[in-house]
Protein backbone atom coordinates (compact mmCIF):
# COMPACT_ATOMS: atom_id res chain seq x y z
CA UNK A 1 78.37 -57.19 -11.77
CA UNK A 2 79.45 -60.47 -10.16
CA UNK A 3 76.51 -62.75 -8.75
CA UNK A 4 77.04 -63.95 -5.39
CA UNK A 5 74.96 -67.10 -6.19
CA UNK A 6 76.57 -69.28 -3.69
CA UNK A 7 75.86 -66.95 -0.77
CA UNK A 8 73.78 -64.45 0.57
CA UNK A 9 69.92 -64.79 -0.16
CA UNK A 10 67.84 -64.31 -3.14
CA UNK A 11 66.97 -60.72 -3.78
CA UNK A 12 63.13 -61.37 -3.95
CA UNK A 13 63.61 -62.82 -0.54
CA UNK A 14 65.14 -59.95 1.28
CA UNK A 15 63.08 -57.47 -0.27
CA UNK A 16 60.01 -59.54 1.33
CA UNK A 17 62.02 -59.85 4.63
CA UNK A 18 61.99 -55.89 4.55
CA UNK A 19 58.51 -55.90 4.36
CA UNK A 20 58.38 -54.18 1.03
CA UNK A 21 56.45 -57.09 -0.73
CA UNK A 22 55.58 -60.47 -0.93
CA UNK A 23 58.33 -62.87 -2.73
CA UNK A 24 56.13 -63.40 -5.47
CA UNK A 25 55.63 -59.48 -5.94
CA UNK A 26 59.38 -58.92 -5.48
CA UNK A 27 60.29 -61.52 -8.32
CA UNK A 28 57.78 -59.51 -10.38
CA UNK A 29 59.37 -56.25 -10.06
CA UNK A 30 62.52 -57.48 -10.53
CA UNK A 31 61.75 -59.13 -14.22
CA UNK A 32 59.91 -55.32 -14.80
CA UNK A 33 63.27 -53.87 -14.57
CA UNK A 34 62.56 -51.82 -11.03
CA UNK A 35 65.27 -53.42 -9.04
CA UNK A 36 68.93 -52.43 -8.98
CA UNK A 37 71.81 -53.87 -6.85
CA UNK A 38 74.99 -51.59 -6.37
CA UNK A 39 73.80 -49.34 -9.19
CA UNK A 40 73.38 -52.10 -11.78
CA UNK A 41 69.86 -53.31 -13.06
CA UNK A 42 68.52 -56.71 -12.14
CA UNK A 43 66.73 -58.63 -14.35
CA UNK A 44 66.29 -61.76 -13.01
CA UNK A 45 65.13 -63.20 -9.81
CA UNK A 46 67.52 -65.97 -9.50
CA UNK A 47 70.12 -63.33 -8.04
CA UNK A 48 71.57 -63.56 -4.63
CA UNK A 49 72.80 -60.56 -2.25
CA UNK A 50 74.58 -59.89 0.86
CA UNK A 51 74.23 -57.58 3.75
CA UNK A 52 76.73 -55.00 2.24
CA UNK A 53 74.73 -54.83 -1.20
CA UNK A 54 72.53 -51.94 -1.89
CA UNK A 55 69.51 -52.77 -3.09
CA UNK A 56 67.32 -49.95 -4.77
CA UNK A 57 63.78 -50.23 -6.25
CA UNK A 58 62.38 -47.26 -8.47
CA UNK A 59 65.41 -45.46 -7.74
CA UNK A 60 64.82 -45.22 -4.14
CA UNK A 61 66.86 -47.59 -1.27
CA UNK A 62 64.94 -49.93 0.51
CA UNK A 63 64.37 -49.16 4.25
CA UNK A 64 66.50 -50.95 7.13
CA UNK A 65 64.63 -54.16 8.13
CA UNK A 66 62.81 -53.73 11.02
CA UNK A 67 62.27 -56.24 13.42
CA UNK A 68 59.42 -59.07 13.03
CA UNK A 69 56.14 -57.76 14.13
CA UNK A 70 52.66 -59.48 13.96
CA UNK A 71 49.28 -57.49 13.99
CA UNK A 72 45.89 -59.31 14.11
CA UNK A 73 43.14 -57.52 12.13
CA UNK A 74 39.30 -58.21 12.40
CA UNK A 75 38.41 -58.02 8.75
CA UNK A 76 34.86 -56.77 8.10
CA UNK A 77 32.99 -58.19 4.88
CA UNK A 78 33.29 -55.78 1.64
CA UNK A 79 36.85 -55.26 1.52
CA UNK A 80 39.25 -57.17 -0.63
CA UNK A 81 42.41 -58.24 0.42
CA UNK A 82 44.90 -57.27 -2.04
CA UNK A 83 47.22 -54.55 -3.00
CA UNK A 84 44.68 -53.13 -5.22
CA UNK A 85 41.36 -54.28 -7.09
CA UNK A 86 41.01 -53.84 -11.04
CA UNK A 87 37.41 -53.33 -10.21
CA UNK A 88 38.04 -50.46 -7.72
CA UNK A 89 36.64 -52.11 -4.79
CA UNK A 90 38.21 -51.08 -1.21
CA UNK A 91 41.03 -52.88 -0.07
CA UNK A 92 42.16 -53.81 3.47
CA UNK A 93 45.46 -52.15 2.77
CA UNK A 94 43.75 -48.98 2.11
CA UNK A 95 42.19 -49.26 5.48
CA UNK A 96 46.15 -50.13 6.87
CA UNK A 97 47.35 -46.88 5.29
CA UNK A 98 44.71 -44.81 6.52
CA UNK A 99 45.29 -46.28 10.29
CA UNK A 100 49.19 -45.53 9.99
CA UNK A 101 50.33 -49.30 10.00
CA UNK A 102 53.64 -49.44 8.54
CA UNK A 103 54.11 -51.80 5.43
CA UNK A 104 52.54 -55.16 6.11
CA UNK A 105 51.86 -58.37 4.26
CA UNK A 106 49.02 -60.69 5.15
CA UNK A 107 49.19 -63.95 5.80
CA UNK A 108 47.15 -65.69 3.55
CA UNK A 109 43.58 -64.15 2.24
CA UNK A 110 40.05 -63.55 2.83
CA UNK A 111 37.50 -63.55 0.41
CA UNK A 112 35.64 -60.17 0.38
CA UNK A 113 32.47 -61.49 2.16
CA UNK A 114 34.74 -63.52 4.56
CA UNK A 115 35.11 -61.87 7.94
CA UNK A 116 37.33 -62.15 10.97
CA UNK A 117 41.00 -62.81 11.78
CA UNK A 118 43.39 -61.80 9.36
CA UNK A 119 47.01 -61.82 10.41
CA UNK A 120 49.85 -59.10 9.47
CA UNK A 121 53.22 -59.05 9.38
CA UNK A 122 56.14 -56.93 8.15
CA UNK A 123 58.28 -60.12 7.58
CA UNK A 124 57.89 -61.37 4.01
CA UNK A 125 59.82 -64.59 5.68
CA UNK A 126 57.41 -65.26 8.33
CA UNK A 127 54.38 -64.77 6.11
CA UNK A 128 55.97 -67.59 3.76
CA UNK A 129 56.26 -69.93 6.40
CA UNK A 130 52.97 -69.58 8.20
CA UNK A 131 51.15 -69.70 5.00
CA UNK A 132 52.70 -73.37 4.28
CA UNK A 133 50.27 -76.30 5.46
CA UNK A 134 53.68 -78.17 6.60
CA UNK A 135 53.64 -75.76 9.32
CA UNK A 136 50.49 -77.40 10.54
CA UNK A 137 48.98 -74.19 12.11
CA UNK A 138 44.79 -74.69 11.83
CA UNK A 139 42.61 -72.20 10.49
CA UNK A 140 39.15 -72.19 12.39
CA UNK A 141 35.89 -71.01 11.13
CA UNK A 142 32.48 -70.30 12.28
CA UNK A 143 30.16 -71.01 9.12
CA UNK A 144 26.47 -70.31 8.81
CA UNK A 145 24.94 -72.50 5.85
CA UNK A 146 21.45 -72.69 4.41
CA UNK A 147 20.58 -76.11 4.15
CA UNK A 148 20.47 -79.52 6.32
CA UNK A 149 23.32 -82.08 6.85
CA UNK A 150 24.38 -84.39 9.69
CA UNK A 151 27.13 -85.05 11.76
CA UNK A 152 28.04 -88.08 10.17
CA UNK A 153 28.25 -86.54 6.82
CA UNK A 154 30.54 -83.95 7.96
CA UNK A 155 32.81 -86.73 9.75
CA UNK A 156 33.52 -88.04 6.31
CA UNK A 157 35.46 -84.95 5.21
CA UNK A 158 38.39 -85.77 7.76
CA UNK A 159 39.61 -88.28 5.10
CA UNK A 160 39.77 -85.11 2.31
CA UNK A 161 37.46 -84.90 -0.56
CA UNK A 162 38.07 -84.42 -4.26
CA UNK A 163 35.82 -81.52 -5.57
CA UNK A 164 35.52 -80.77 -9.37
CA UNK A 165 38.89 -82.36 -9.84
CA UNK A 166 40.60 -80.28 -6.91
CA UNK A 167 42.02 -82.35 -3.98
CA UNK A 168 41.44 -80.74 -0.60
CA UNK A 169 42.97 -82.32 2.75
CA UNK A 170 41.29 -83.19 6.21
CA UNK A 171 38.83 -80.77 7.23
CA UNK A 172 37.27 -81.01 10.96
CA UNK A 173 33.75 -80.02 10.95
CA UNK A 174 31.53 -80.19 13.64
CA UNK A 175 27.32 -79.17 13.70
CA UNK A 176 27.19 -76.47 16.44
CA UNK A 177 23.29 -75.82 15.82
CA UNK A 178 20.16 -75.77 13.45
CA UNK A 179 18.75 -71.93 13.06
CA UNK A 180 15.70 -72.32 10.86
CA UNK A 181 16.59 -73.15 7.47
CA UNK A 182 20.12 -72.52 8.34
CA UNK A 183 23.08 -74.35 10.11
CA UNK A 184 25.90 -73.45 11.92
CA UNK A 185 29.34 -75.20 11.75
CA UNK A 186 32.74 -75.13 13.25
CA UNK A 187 35.28 -76.14 10.68
CA UNK A 188 39.10 -76.36 11.02
CA UNK A 189 41.56 -76.83 8.26
CA UNK A 190 45.34 -76.45 7.77
CA UNK A 191 45.24 -75.16 4.18
CA UNK A 192 43.78 -72.53 2.75
CA UNK A 193 42.99 -72.99 -0.71
CA UNK A 194 40.66 -70.39 -2.83
CA UNK A 195 37.09 -70.98 -1.72
CA UNK A 196 37.78 -73.97 -0.32
CA UNK A 197 35.21 -74.03 2.50
CA UNK A 198 32.49 -73.22 0.21
CA UNK A 199 33.24 -75.13 -2.61
CA UNK A 200 33.54 -78.43 -0.04
CA UNK A 201 30.06 -77.71 1.78
CA UNK A 202 28.38 -77.00 -1.72
CA UNK A 203 29.35 -80.37 -2.73
CA UNK A 204 27.58 -81.78 0.47
CA UNK A 205 24.35 -79.41 -0.55
CA UNK A 206 24.98 -76.25 1.70
CA UNK A 207 25.24 -72.99 0.78
CA UNK A 208 27.43 -71.18 2.75
CA UNK A 209 26.15 -67.36 3.59
CA UNK A 210 28.35 -66.64 6.40
CA UNK A 211 32.25 -67.24 6.95
CA UNK A 212 34.14 -65.98 10.05
CA UNK A 213 37.67 -67.01 10.95
CA UNK A 214 37.85 -67.09 14.42
CA UNK A 215 41.42 -68.22 14.89
CA UNK A 216 44.62 -68.87 12.86
CA UNK A 217 46.93 -71.32 14.83
CA UNK A 218 47.68 -70.03 18.37
CA UNK A 219 46.35 -66.37 17.78
CA UNK A 220 42.50 -66.10 18.06
CA UNK A 221 40.15 -63.03 17.38
CA UNK A 222 38.70 -62.69 20.58
CA UNK A 223 37.16 -59.30 21.41
CA UNK A 224 39.02 -57.51 18.68
CA UNK A 225 36.09 -55.16 17.40
CA UNK A 226 34.96 -55.50 13.71
CA UNK A 227 37.56 -53.32 12.01
CA UNK A 228 40.05 -53.36 15.06
CA UNK A 229 43.94 -54.26 14.85
CA UNK A 230 45.62 -55.57 17.63
CA UNK A 231 49.41 -55.69 18.05
CA UNK A 232 50.96 -59.01 19.16
CA UNK A 233 53.98 -58.07 21.71
CA UNK A 234 57.11 -59.19 20.40
CA UNK A 235 57.82 -61.74 23.29
CA UNK A 236 54.32 -63.56 22.96
CA UNK A 237 55.33 -63.92 19.25
CA UNK A 238 58.44 -65.52 19.93
CA UNK A 239 56.90 -68.21 22.53
CA UNK A 240 54.17 -68.87 20.26
CA UNK A 241 56.51 -69.41 16.98
CA UNK A 242 59.18 -71.24 19.11
CA UNK A 243 62.85 -71.68 18.23
CA UNK A 244 62.42 -74.18 15.06
CA UNK A 245 59.42 -71.96 13.44
CA UNK A 246 61.49 -69.05 14.01
CA UNK A 247 64.38 -70.19 12.72
CA UNK A 248 62.77 -71.55 9.69
CA UNK A 249 61.23 -68.08 9.24
CA UNK A 250 64.15 -66.44 9.53
CA UNK A 251 62.75 -63.59 11.50
CA UNK A 252 64.41 -61.21 13.32
CA UNK A 253 63.57 -59.86 17.11
CA UNK A 254 67.06 -58.01 17.71
CA UNK A 255 66.16 -55.06 14.98
CA UNK A 256 64.60 -52.15 15.98
CA UNK A 257 60.92 -52.97 16.19
CA UNK A 258 58.44 -50.95 14.18
CA UNK A 259 56.02 -48.84 15.88
CA UNK A 260 53.94 -51.27 18.03
CA UNK A 261 50.63 -49.21 17.83
CA UNK A 262 47.94 -49.19 15.39
CA UNK A 263 46.83 -45.48 15.49
CA UNK A 264 43.32 -44.72 14.59
CA UNK A 265 43.50 -41.35 12.62
CA UNK A 266 39.67 -41.15 12.76
CA UNK A 267 39.99 -40.23 16.78
CA UNK A 268 43.52 -39.21 16.65
CA UNK A 269 44.67 -41.34 19.32
CA UNK A 270 47.54 -43.49 18.99
CA UNK A 271 46.62 -46.73 20.55
CA UNK A 272 46.22 -50.34 20.22
CA UNK A 273 42.81 -51.54 18.88
CA UNK A 274 41.12 -52.71 22.46
CA UNK A 275 42.43 -49.48 23.77
CA UNK A 276 40.69 -47.39 20.92
CA UNK A 277 37.63 -49.52 21.67
CA UNK A 278 37.82 -48.64 25.33
CA UNK A 279 38.44 -44.68 24.70
CA UNK A 280 35.76 -44.81 21.90
CA UNK A 281 33.42 -45.53 24.33
CA UNK A 282 34.71 -43.27 26.69
CA UNK A 283 34.80 -40.41 24.45
CA UNK A 284 31.34 -41.37 23.46
CA UNK A 285 30.41 -41.14 27.38
CA UNK A 286 32.25 -37.76 27.64
CA UNK A 287 30.30 -36.54 24.62
CA UNK A 288 26.88 -37.23 25.81
CA UNK A 289 28.06 -35.62 29.32
CA UNK A 290 29.52 -32.64 27.74
CA UNK A 291 25.89 -32.24 25.59
CA UNK A 292 24.41 -32.32 29.15
CA UNK A 293 26.56 -29.81 30.48
CA UNK A 294 26.05 -27.41 27.60
CA UNK A 295 22.36 -27.91 28.02
CA UNK A 296 22.49 -27.16 31.87
CA UNK A 297 25.02 -23.99 31.34
CA UNK A 298 24.10 -21.03 33.04
CA UNK A 299 22.63 -18.71 30.67
CA UNK A 300 22.58 -14.92 30.88
CA UNK A 301 19.45 -13.39 32.64
CA UNK A 302 17.22 -11.69 30.20
CA UNK A 303 13.44 -12.15 28.26
CA UNK A 304 11.95 -14.87 26.42
CA UNK A 305 13.25 -18.21 27.69
CA UNK A 306 16.93 -16.90 28.60
CA UNK A 307 16.72 -17.79 32.16
CA UNK A 308 19.19 -19.90 34.18
CA UNK A 309 18.59 -23.69 34.07
CA UNK A 310 17.13 -25.30 37.09
CA UNK A 311 19.96 -27.83 37.76
CA UNK A 312 22.54 -25.05 37.62
CA UNK A 313 21.04 -22.72 40.57
CA UNK A 314 22.97 -22.29 43.57
CA UNK A 315 21.36 -23.67 46.69
CA UNK A 316 20.66 -20.30 48.24
CA UNK A 317 19.20 -19.16 44.91
CA UNK A 318 15.15 -18.89 44.61
CA UNK A 319 13.31 -20.35 41.69
CA UNK A 320 14.14 -17.63 39.05
CA UNK A 321 11.33 -17.29 36.36
CA UNK A 322 10.81 -15.11 33.14
CA UNK A 323 9.74 -11.78 33.92
CA UNK A 324 8.37 -9.06 31.80
CA UNK A 325 8.23 -5.63 33.32
CA UNK A 326 4.96 -3.63 32.68
CA UNK A 327 4.21 -0.04 32.11
CA UNK A 328 1.66 1.65 34.00
CA UNK A 329 0.05 4.89 33.37
CA UNK A 330 -1.19 7.14 35.79
CA UNK A 331 -3.34 10.35 35.99
CA UNK A 332 -2.85 13.57 37.42
CA UNK A 333 0.63 14.48 35.69
CA UNK A 334 2.73 11.44 36.88
CA UNK A 335 4.74 9.88 34.68
CA UNK A 336 3.97 6.35 33.56
CA UNK A 337 6.28 3.79 35.48
CA UNK A 338 7.54 0.25 34.68
CA UNK A 339 7.04 -2.23 37.43
CA UNK A 340 8.29 -6.08 37.95
CA UNK A 341 5.60 -8.29 38.55
CA UNK A 342 5.90 -10.06 42.08
CA UNK A 343 4.71 -13.38 43.01
CA UNK A 344 1.29 -13.31 44.71
CA UNK A 345 0.78 -14.74 48.11
CA UNK A 346 -2.43 -14.32 50.67
CA UNK A 347 0.49 -13.59 53.10
CA UNK A 348 1.93 -10.74 51.62
CA UNK A 349 -1.59 -8.99 51.12
CA UNK A 350 -2.50 -9.47 54.89
CA UNK A 351 1.34 -7.79 55.47
CA UNK A 352 0.52 -4.96 53.18
CA UNK A 353 -2.97 -4.74 54.74
CA UNK A 354 -4.97 -5.14 51.16
CA UNK A 355 -8.39 -6.28 51.36
CA UNK A 356 -9.73 -9.52 51.04
CA UNK A 357 -12.74 -9.95 48.75
CA UNK A 358 -14.84 -6.94 49.14
CA UNK A 359 -14.68 -3.91 47.05
CA UNK A 360 -10.85 -3.42 47.28
CA UNK A 361 -8.33 -5.14 45.34
CA UNK A 362 -6.49 -8.56 46.00
CA UNK A 363 -3.14 -7.58 43.93
CA UNK A 364 -4.61 -9.41 40.95
CA UNK A 365 -6.39 -6.61 39.12
CA UNK A 366 -2.90 -4.83 37.91
CA UNK A 367 -0.82 -5.54 35.22
CA UNK A 368 -0.13 -9.26 35.14
CA UNK A 369 0.99 -10.24 38.67
CA UNK A 370 1.83 -7.08 39.84
CA UNK A 371 -0.72 -6.39 42.60
CA UNK A 372 -2.07 -3.56 41.45
CA UNK A 373 -6.01 -3.76 39.63
CA UNK A 374 -5.66 -4.97 35.60
CA UNK A 375 -6.98 -2.60 33.19
CA UNK A 376 -10.69 -3.06 32.65
CA UNK A 377 -10.90 -6.09 35.10
CA UNK A 378 -12.68 -6.06 38.11
CA UNK A 379 -11.20 -7.33 41.46
CA UNK A 380 -11.62 -10.51 42.83
CA UNK A 381 -15.11 -10.80 44.72
CA UNK A 382 -15.64 -7.35 44.55
CA UNK A 383 -17.13 -4.68 42.46
CA UNK A 384 -15.77 -2.92 39.51
CA UNK A 385 -13.58 0.10 40.60
CA UNK A 386 -15.25 3.13 39.97
CA UNK A 387 -12.66 6.45 39.06
CA UNK A 388 -10.08 6.89 41.32
CA UNK A 389 -9.81 4.93 44.70
CA UNK A 390 -6.57 4.13 47.05
CA UNK A 391 -4.79 1.08 45.97
CA UNK A 392 -2.21 -0.89 48.13
CA UNK A 393 0.06 -2.84 46.01
CA UNK A 394 3.29 -2.28 44.13
CA UNK A 395 1.97 -2.14 40.85
CA UNK A 396 -0.73 0.70 41.80
CA UNK A 397 -0.29 3.79 42.83
CA UNK A 398 0.60 5.24 46.09
CA UNK A 399 -1.87 5.58 48.57
CA UNK A 400 -4.28 8.87 47.55
CA UNK A 401 -2.70 8.40 44.32
CA UNK A 402 -4.88 8.58 41.01
CA UNK A 403 -4.97 4.69 39.03
CA UNK A 404 -6.39 4.95 35.85
CA UNK A 405 -8.95 2.59 36.31
CA UNK A 406 -11.82 4.79 34.80
CA UNK A 407 -13.55 3.87 31.41
CA UNK A 408 -13.02 7.37 30.09
CA UNK A 409 -9.24 7.84 31.17
CA UNK A 410 -7.27 7.19 27.64
CA UNK A 411 -4.04 5.96 29.03
CA UNK A 412 -5.78 3.54 31.07
CA UNK A 413 -7.20 1.73 27.95
CA UNK A 414 -3.79 1.07 26.06
CA UNK A 415 -2.60 -2.40 26.36
CA UNK A 416 0.52 -3.13 28.49
CA UNK A 417 3.82 -3.03 26.55
CA UNK A 418 6.93 -4.50 27.12
CA UNK A 419 10.08 -2.71 27.14
């Protein structure tokens, strides 16, 4: 097919702008024979295409280009910034898929143990532009390192330094504080060579044990929680890039924008990170409140601990306690009856005309809390009842009735039984 070498853009560049891959990955895919243009297999990366060309990768047409979008990710330690890791370690891109992000590219990289701000974009042209040192966007880090150093030593890094044959550009480093055997530094640099900060500080006798990127150009880590993703609004991105940089990167703010939200499937809500963090806090409080409400939920009345909880009683309800009905046996052919114990009070005894002290009963002698005489027990302050006698109280017999208080009465010697 005709190679439109004098017009259009390189095939790998277009693939990258569509957020399909980086330019380097695109070139490798072309070399591997995975890309066709208008049905023809392309083997050379030095191939230009125009807007009307139909590009397919692995037999599938590339998706329509979306508007340029940027996300800010608070990378935790322990994740690799790569599409796939030969050692099988977890990657940030696996996390992005779980979170529901569209196809994104990382602007630069962070080591597996480095934390902090990682910029993401769906535009390969913007990714490439922001990674160039010529763009001049500073990367700032907080660094904790074992050892000691002076500010004078750090100031020398502004002139650049060469370590093991590798030249590093100007580095602005400030001694923030000393903490035990460690020092905390604020480091800013405009290039991002592999392990640059660790190698440079090692040449000064410091061993880096924690590294946190706090900003990339005008974008700050801020209060994005660890593992959180924040979406940069299109208007904010336009303002921060400026016309010159936006033109150089070839960004597109006119095309339909991809979903600006970063859904967190762990809680099932389509919200950006800050909203997710707030909702997680609200959900946690709601869960605690729901748990408390469940514990306080009125329960059916019954036996052995099934009474209604105290804080759920209505204002006019009296205290409800567990009750246990008792069977009382009578002599003289009267059938046994079940009685509910009643609260004992001196006022009730006086109203019922029951004896106080002396030879009568006081409402404590019957089944537990019943107001009648207790089997085998004596009345408070009086002598043991003999044979039959009158009893005042709900749990005993009616006046003139026979109560099983004698020793030789068989039914009365049985222990009370619950229904």
